[in-house]
Amino acid sequence: MSAACDVNCMVREEDGSAAYILKRPNRDMPKPRSLEEVIGVYTGGPGGRHHGEPDHSPQKYLEFLDFIK
């Protein structure tokens, strides 16, 4: 039944009933990241864009992280 889920996630049984199956996750998806990694707490912002700029210290990012949690 799991092989049929790749194409159609609704499988009909012989008696006419239907079963719904969750799709398998795509193996090419990026690995899950923590919120700290997404906002760049220790790298100076997303992608390091603000590294070394005033008011972009890890302490300020941790304050922001605490605020949004």
PDB file of N, CA and C in Angstrom:
ATOM      1  N   MET A   1       0.811  -1.190   0.000  1.00  0.00           N
ATOM      2  CA  MET A   1       0.000   0.000   0.000  1.00  0.00           C
ATOM      3  C   MET A   1       0.858   1.259   0.000  1.00  0.00           C
ATOM      4  N   SER A   2       2.066   1.228   0.603  1.00  0.00           N
ATOM      5  CA  SER A   2       2.890   2.429   0.678  1.00  0.00           C
ATOM      6  C   SER A   2       3.444   2.841  -0.681  1.00  0.00           C
ATOM      7  N   ALA A   3       3.658   1.886  -1.591  1.00  0.00           N
ATOM      8  CA  ALA A   3       4.155   2.233  -2.923  1.00  0.00           C
ATOM      9  C   ALA A   3       3.109   3.021  -3.697  1.00  0.00           C
ATOM     10  N   ALA A   4       1.832   2.739  -3.454  1.00  0.00           N
ATOM     11  CA  ALA A   4       0.764   3.466  -4.139  1.00  0.00           C
ATOM     12  C   ALA A   4       0.675   4.904  -3.660  1.00  0.00           C
ATOM     13  N   CYS A   5       1.185   5.181  -2.492  1.00  0.00           N
ATOM     14  CA  CYS A   5       1.099   6.527  -1.935  1.00  0.00           C
ATOM     15  C   CYS A   5       1.968   7.519  -2.701  1.00  0.00           C
ATOM     16  N   ASP A   6       2.982   7.063  -3.383  1.00  0.00           N
ATOM     17  CA  ASP A   6       3.825   7.968  -4.144  1.00  0.00           C
ATOM     18  C   ASP A   6       3.044   8.669  -5.241  1.00  0.00           C
ATOM     19  N   VAL A   7       2.040   8.033  -5.779  1.00  0.00           N
ATOM     20  CA  VAL A   7       1.254   8.603  -6.863  1.00  0.00           C
ATOM     21  C   VAL A   7      -0.062   9.170  -6.348  1.00  0.00           C
ATOM     22  N   ASN A   8      -0.762   8.400  -5.562  1.00  0.00           N
ATOM     23  CA  ASN A   8      -2.076   8.800  -5.085  1.00  0.00           C
ATOM     24  C   ASN A   8      -2.197   8.378  -3.628  1.00  0.00           C
ATOM     25  N   CYS A   9      -2.517   9.303  -2.748  1.00  0.00           N
ATOM     26  CA  CYS A   9      -2.555   8.985  -1.321  1.00  0.00           C
ATOM     27  C   CYS A   9      -3.911   8.487  -0.855  1.00  0.00           C
ATOM     28  N   MET A  10      -4.808   8.190  -1.780  1.00  0.00           N
ATOM     29  CA  MET A  10      -6.060   7.564  -1.416  1.00  0.00           C
ATOM     30  C   MET A  10      -6.090   6.199  -2.093  1.00  0.00           C
ATOM     31  N   VAL A  11      -6.206   5.179  -1.290  1.00  0.00           N
ATOM     32  CA  VAL A  11      -6.213   3.818  -1.813  1.00  0.00           C
ATOM     33  C   VAL A  11      -7.599   3.230  -1.613  1.00  0.00           C
ATOM     34  N   ARG A  12      -8.208   2.745  -2.688  1.00  0.00           N
ATOM     35  CA  ARG A  12      -9.544   2.131  -2.610  1.00  0.00           C
ATOM     36  C   ARG A  12      -9.387   0.625  -2.436  1.00  0.00           C
ATOM     37  N   GLU A  13     -10.121   0.121  -1.473  1.00  0.00           N
ATOM     38  CA  GLU A  13     -10.128  -1.313  -1.224  1.00  0.00           C
ATOM     39  C   GLU A  13     -11.167  -1.971  -2.141  1.00  0.00           C
ATOM     40  N   GLU A  14     -11.149  -3.286  -2.217  1.00  0.00           N
ATOM     41  CA  GLU A  14     -12.079  -4.014  -3.083  1.00  0.00           C
ATOM     42  C   GLU A  14     -13.531  -3.842  -2.635  1.00  0.00           C
ATOM     43  N   ASP A  15     -13.749  -3.647  -1.344  1.00  0.00           N
ATOM     44  CA  ASP A  15     -15.124  -3.493  -0.857  1.00  0.00           C
ATOM     45  C   ASP A  15     -15.657  -2.074  -1.049  1.00  0.00           C
ATOM     46  N   GLY A  16     -14.879  -1.189  -1.667  1.00  0.00           N
ATOM     47  CA  GLY A  16     -15.330   0.164  -1.950  1.00  0.00           C
ATOM     48  C   GLY A  16     -14.893   1.195  -0.927  1.00  0.00           C
ATOM     49  N   SER A  17     -14.356   0.734   0.198  1.00  0.00           N
ATOM     50  CA  SER A  17     -13.887   1.691   1.198  1.00  0.00           C
ATOM     51  C   SER A  17     -12.566   2.312   0.746  1.00  0.00           C
ATOM     52  N   ALA A  18     -12.254   3.452   1.317  1.00  0.00           N
ATOM     53  CA  ALA A  18     -11.035   4.153   0.955  1.00  0.00           C
ATOM     54  C   ALA A  18     -10.167   4.344   2.182  1.00  0.00           C
ATOM     55  N   ALA A  19      -8.869   4.294   1.986  1.00  0.00           N
ATOM     56  CA  ALA A  19      -7.906   4.545   3.060  1.00  0.00           C
ATOM     57  C   ALA A  19      -6.996   5.677   2.615  1.00  0.00           C
ATOM     58  N   TYR A  20      -6.761   6.611   3.500  1.00  0.00           N
ATOM     59  CA  TYR A  20      -5.868   7.730   3.210  1.00  0.00           C
ATOM     60  C   TYR A  20      -4.530   7.494   3.890  1.00  0.00           C
ATOM     61  N   ILE A  21      -3.468   7.736   3.166  1.00  0.00           N
ATOM     62  CA  ILE A  21      -2.124   7.489   3.664  1.00  0.00           C
ATOM     63  C   ILE A  21      -1.318   8.776   3.518  1.00  0.00           C
ATOM     64  N   LEU A  22      -0.521   9.104   4.528  1.00  0.00           N
ATOM     65  CA  LEU A  22       0.337  10.275   4.446  1.00  0.00           C
ATOM     66  C   LEU A  22       1.459  10.039   3.439  1.00  0.00           C
ATOM     67  N   LYS A  23       1.812  11.091   2.707  1.00  0.00           N
ATOM     68  CA  LYS A  23       2.917  10.982   1.767  1.00  0.00           C
ATOM     69  C   LYS A  23       4.226  10.879   2.529  1.00  0.00           C
ATOM     70  N   ARG A  24       5.176  10.175   1.941  1.00  0.00           N
ATOM     71  CA  ARG A  24       6.508  10.102   2.517  1.00  0.00           C
ATOM     72  C   ARG A  24       7.218  11.426   2.292  1.00  0.00           C
ATOM     73  N   PRO A  25       8.044  11.871   3.249  1.00  0.00           N
ATOM     74  CA  PRO A  25       8.767  13.122   3.045  1.00  0.00           C
ATOM     75  C   PRO A  25       9.782  12.985   1.916  1.00  0.00           C
ATOM     76  N   ASN A  26      10.008  14.073   1.239  1.00  0.00           N
ATOM     77  CA  ASN A  26      10.973  14.091   0.156  1.00  0.00           C
ATOM     78  C   ASN A  26      12.373  13.971   0.749  1.00  0.00           C
ATOM     79  N   ARG A  27      13.176  13.069   0.247  1.00  0.00           N
ATOM     80  CA  ARG A  27      14.513  12.860   0.799  1.00  0.00           C
ATOM     81  C   ARG A  27      15.465  14.000   0.459  1.00  0.00           C
ATOM     82  N   ASP A  28      15.111  14.824  -0.508  1.00  0.00           N
ATOM     83  CA  ASP A  28      15.977  15.925  -0.900  1.00  0.00           C
ATOM     84  C   ASP A  28      15.699  17.197  -0.114  1.00  0.00           C
ATOM     85  N   MET A  29      14.787  17.145   0.828  1.00  0.00           N
ATOM     86  CA  MET A  29      14.453  18.320   1.619  1.00  0.00           C
ATOM     87  C   MET A  29      15.612  18.662   2.555  1.00  0.00           C
ATOM     88  N   PRO A  30      15.814  19.936   2.853  1.00  0.00           N
ATOM     89  CA  PRO A  30      16.882  20.293   3.795  1.00  0.00           C
ATOM     90  C   PRO A  30      16.562  19.787   5.189  1.00  0.00           C
ATOM     91  N   LYS A  31      17.609  19.580   5.984  1.00  0.00           N
ATOM     92  CA  LYS A  31      17.388  19.089   7.338  1.00  0.00           C
ATOM     93  C   LYS A  31      16.716  20.173   8.172  1.00  0.00           C
ATOM     94  N   PRO A  32      15.916  19.782   9.142  1.00  0.00           N
ATOM     95  CA  PRO A  32      15.259  20.767   9.995  1.00  0.00           C
ATOM     96  C   PRO A  32      16.297  21.590  10.761  1.00  0.00           C
ATOM     97  N   ARG A  33      16.018  22.887  10.929  1.00  0.00           N
ATOM     98  CA  ARG A  33      16.925  23.766  11.661  1.00  0.00           C
ATOM     99  C   ARG A  33      16.188  24.392  12.836  1.00  0.00           C
ATOM    100  N   SER A  34      16.946  24.721  13.858  1.00  0.00           N
ATOM    101  CA  SER A  34      16.356  25.385  15.014  1.00  0.00           C
ATOM    102  C   SER A  34      16.118  26.849  14.673  1.00  0.00           C
ATOM    103  N   LEU A  35      15.307  27.503  15.480  1.00  0.00           N
ATOM    104  CA  LEU A  35      15.017  28.914  15.261  1.00  0.00           C
ATOM    105  C   LEU A  35      16.288  29.751  15.420  1.00  0.00           C
ATOM    106  N   GLU A  36      17.184  29.337  16.313  1.00  0.00           N
ATOM    107  CA  GLU A  36      18.456  30.041  16.489  1.00  0.00           C
ATOM    108  C   GLU A  36      19.262  30.037  15.199  1.00  0.00           C
ATOM    109  N   GLU A  37      19.266  28.898  14.502  1.00  0.00           N
ATOM    110  CA  GLU A  37      19.994  28.806  13.240  1.00  0.00           C
ATOM    111  C   GLU A  37      19.340  29.643  12.148  1.00  0.00           C
ATOM    112  N   VAL A  38      18.011  29.679  12.129  1.00  0.00           N
ATOM    113  CA  VAL A  38      17.292  30.415  11.090  1.00  0.00           C
ATOM    114  C   VAL A  38      17.548  31.912  11.199  1.00  0.00           C
ATOM    115  N   ILE A  39      17.469  32.459  12.421  1.00  0.00           N
ATOM    116  CA  ILE A  39      17.680  33.902  12.558  1.00  0.00           C
ATOM    117  C   ILE A  39      19.152  34.264  12.657  1.00  0.00           C
ATOM    118  N   GLY A  40      20.038  33.292  12.804  1.00  0.00           N
ATOM    119  CA  GLY A  40      21.473  33.548  12.796  1.00  0.00           C
ATOM    120  C   GLY A  40      21.994  34.150  14.077  1.00  0.00           C
ATOM    121  N   VAL A  41      21.635  33.588  15.213  1.00  0.00           N
ATOM    122  CA  VAL A  41      22.046  34.130  16.502  1.00  0.00           C
ATOM    123  C   VAL A  41      23.565  34.231  16.596  1.00  0.00           C
ATOM    124  N   TYR A  42      24.278  33.197  16.195  1.00  0.00           N
ATOM    125  CA  TYR A  42      25.732  33.166  16.374  1.00  0.00           C
ATOM    126  C   TYR A  42      26.504  33.467  15.098  1.00  0.00           C
ATOM    127  N   THR A  43      25.811  33.768  14.012  1.00  0.00           N
ATOM    128  CA  THR A  43      26.504  34.058  12.758  1.00  0.00           C
ATOM    129  C   THR A  43      26.351  35.508  12.318  1.00  0.00           C
ATOM    130  N   GLY A  44      25.632  36.317  13.086  1.00  0.00           N
ATOM    131  CA  GLY A  44      25.455  37.716  12.713  1.00  0.00           C
ATOM    132  C   GLY A  44      24.277  37.929  11.791  1.00  0.00           C
ATOM    133  N   GLY A  45      23.224  37.229  12.019  1.00  0.00           N
ATOM    134  CA  GLY A  45      22.026  37.393  11.205  1.00  0.00           C
ATOM    135  C   GLY A  45      21.911  36.312  10.160  1.00  0.00           C
ATOM    136  N   PRO A  46      20.799  36.307   9.414  1.00  0.00           N
ATOM    137  CA  PRO A  46      20.601  35.278   8.390  1.00  0.00           C
ATOM    138  C   PRO A  46      21.688  35.352   7.336  1.00  0.00           C
ATOM    139  N   GLY A  47      22.399  34.264   7.166  1.00  0.00           N
ATOM    140  CA  GLY A  47      23.470  34.225   6.165  1.00  0.00           C
ATOM    141  C   GLY A  47      24.672  35.055   6.544  1.00  0.00           C
ATOM    142  N   GLY A  48      24.759  35.542   7.787  1.00  0.00           N
ATOM    143  CA  GLY A  48      25.883  36.347   8.233  1.00  0.00           C
ATOM    144  C   GLY A  48      25.906  37.745   7.637  1.00  0.00           C
ATOM    145  N   ARG A  49      24.784  38.231   7.154  1.00  0.00           N
ATOM    146  CA  ARG A  49      24.721  39.534   6.480  1.00  0.00           C
ATOM    147  C   ARG A  49      25.106  40.702   7.373  1.00  0.00           C
ATOM    148  N   HIS A  50      24.865  40.590   8.677  1.00  0.00           N
ATOM    149  CA  HIS A  50      25.095  41.714   9.584  1.00  0.00           C
ATOM    150  C   HIS A  50      26.236  41.444  10.561  1.00  0.00           C
ATOM    151  N   HIS A  51      27.099  40.508  10.237  1.00  0.00           N
ATOM    152  CA  HIS A  51      28.204  40.147  11.125  1.00  0.00           C
ATOM    153  C   HIS A  51      29.124  41.347  11.343  1.00  0.00           C
ATOM    154  N   GLY A  52      29.350  41.685  12.604  1.00  0.00           N
ATOM    155  CA  GLY A  52      30.243  42.780  12.950  1.00  0.00           C
ATOM    156  C   GLY A  52      29.578  44.146  13.000  1.00  0.00           C
ATOM    157  N   GLU A  53      28.334  44.260  12.606  1.00  0.00           N
ATOM    158  CA  GLU A  53      27.639  45.546  12.651  1.00  0.00           C
ATOM    159  C   GLU A  53      27.177  45.839  14.075  1.00  0.00           C
ATOM    160  N   PRO A  54      27.076  47.127  14.428  1.00  0.00           N
ATOM    161  CA  PRO A  54      26.580  47.465  15.773  1.00  0.00           C
ATOM    162  C   PRO A  54      25.148  46.938  15.962  1.00  0.00           C
ATOM    163  N   ASP A  55      24.841  46.561  17.173  1.00  0.00           N
ATOM    164  CA  ASP A  55      23.520  46.037  17.567  1.00  0.00           C
ATOM    165  C   ASP A  55      23.165  44.712  16.886  1.00  0.00           C
ATOM    166  N   HIS A  56      24.151  44.004  16.402  1.00  0.00           N
ATOM    167  CA  HIS A  56      23.902  42.671  15.837  1.00  0.00           C
ATOM    168  C   HIS A  56      24.782  41.644  16.555  1.00  0.00           C
ATOM    169  N   SER A  57      24.884  41.787  17.866  1.00  0.00           N
ATOM    170  CA  SER A  57      25.664  40.848  18.674  1.00  0.00           C
ATOM    171  C   SER A  57      24.797  39.636  19.015  1.00  0.00           C
ATOM    172  N   PRO A  58      25.428  38.529  19.390  1.00  0.00           N
ATOM    173  CA  PRO A  58      24.632  37.364  19.803  1.00  0.00           C
ATOM    174  C   PRO A  58      23.675  37.679  20.947  1.00  0.00           C
ATOM    175  N   GLN A  59      24.070  38.578  21.846  1.00  0.00           N
ATOM    176  CA  GLN A  59      23.181  38.940  22.954  1.00  0.00           C
ATOM    177  C   GLN A  59      21.903  39.597  22.448  1.00  0.00           C
ATOM    178  N   LYS A  60      22.011  40.481  21.458  1.00  0.00           N
ATOM    179  CA  LYS A  60      20.818  41.140  20.895  1.00  0.00           C
ATOM    180  C   LYS A  60      19.922  40.117  20.190  1.00  0.00           C
ATOM    181  N   TYR A  61      20.548  39.172  19.467  1.00  0.00           N
ATOM    182  CA  TYR A  61      19.760  38.137  18.798  1.00  0.00           C
ATOM    183  C   TYR A  61      19.077  37.224  19.813  1.00  0.00           C
ATOM    184  N   LEU A  62      19.754  36.937  20.926  1.00  0.00           N
ATOM    185  CA  LEU A  62      19.127  36.118  21.965  1.00  0.00           C
ATOM    186  C   LEU A  62      17.959  36.855  22.613  1.00  0.00           C
ATOM    187  N   GLU A  63      18.070  38.177  22.780  1.00  0.00           N
ATOM    188  CA  GLU A  63      16.943  38.958  23.292  1.00  0.00           C
ATOM    189  C   GLU A  63      15.763  38.884  22.320  1.00  0.00           C
ATOM    190  N   PHE A  64      16.053  39.013  21.026  1.00  0.00           N
ATOM    191  CA  PHE A  64      14.997  38.912  20.013  1.00  0.00           C
ATOM    192  C   PHE A  64      14.371  37.524  20.015  1.00  0.00           C
ATOM    193  N   LEU A  65      15.207  36.501  20.125  1.00  0.00           N
ATOM    194  CA  LEU A  65      14.713  35.134  20.162  1.00  0.00           C
ATOM    195  C   LEU A  65      13.803  34.918  21.371  1.00  0.00           C
ATOM    196  N   ASP A  66      14.182  35.447  22.518  1.00  0.00           N
ATOM    197  CA  ASP A  66      13.350  35.350  23.715  1.00  0.00           C
ATOM    198  C   ASP A  66      12.028  36.084  23.506  1.00  0.00           C
ATOM    199  N   PHE A  67      12.085  37.225  22.816  1.00  0.00           N
ATOM    200  CA  PHE A  67      10.879  38.014  22.550  1.00  0.00           C
ATOM    201  C   PHE A  67       9.886  37.257  21.661  1.00  0.00           C
ATOM    202  N   ILE A  68      10.380  36.596  20.624  1.00  0.00           N
ATOM    203  CA  ILE A  68       9.455  35.940  19.689  1.00  0.00           C
ATOM    204  C   ILE A  68       9.004  34.567  20.158  1.00  0.00           C
ATOM    205  N   LYS A  69       9.696  33.993  21.126  1.00  0.00           N
ATOM    206  CA  LYS A  69       9.250  32.692  21.664  1.00  0.00           C
ATOM    207  C   LYS A  69       8.149  32.902  22.595  1.00  0.00           C
TER     208      LYS A  69
END
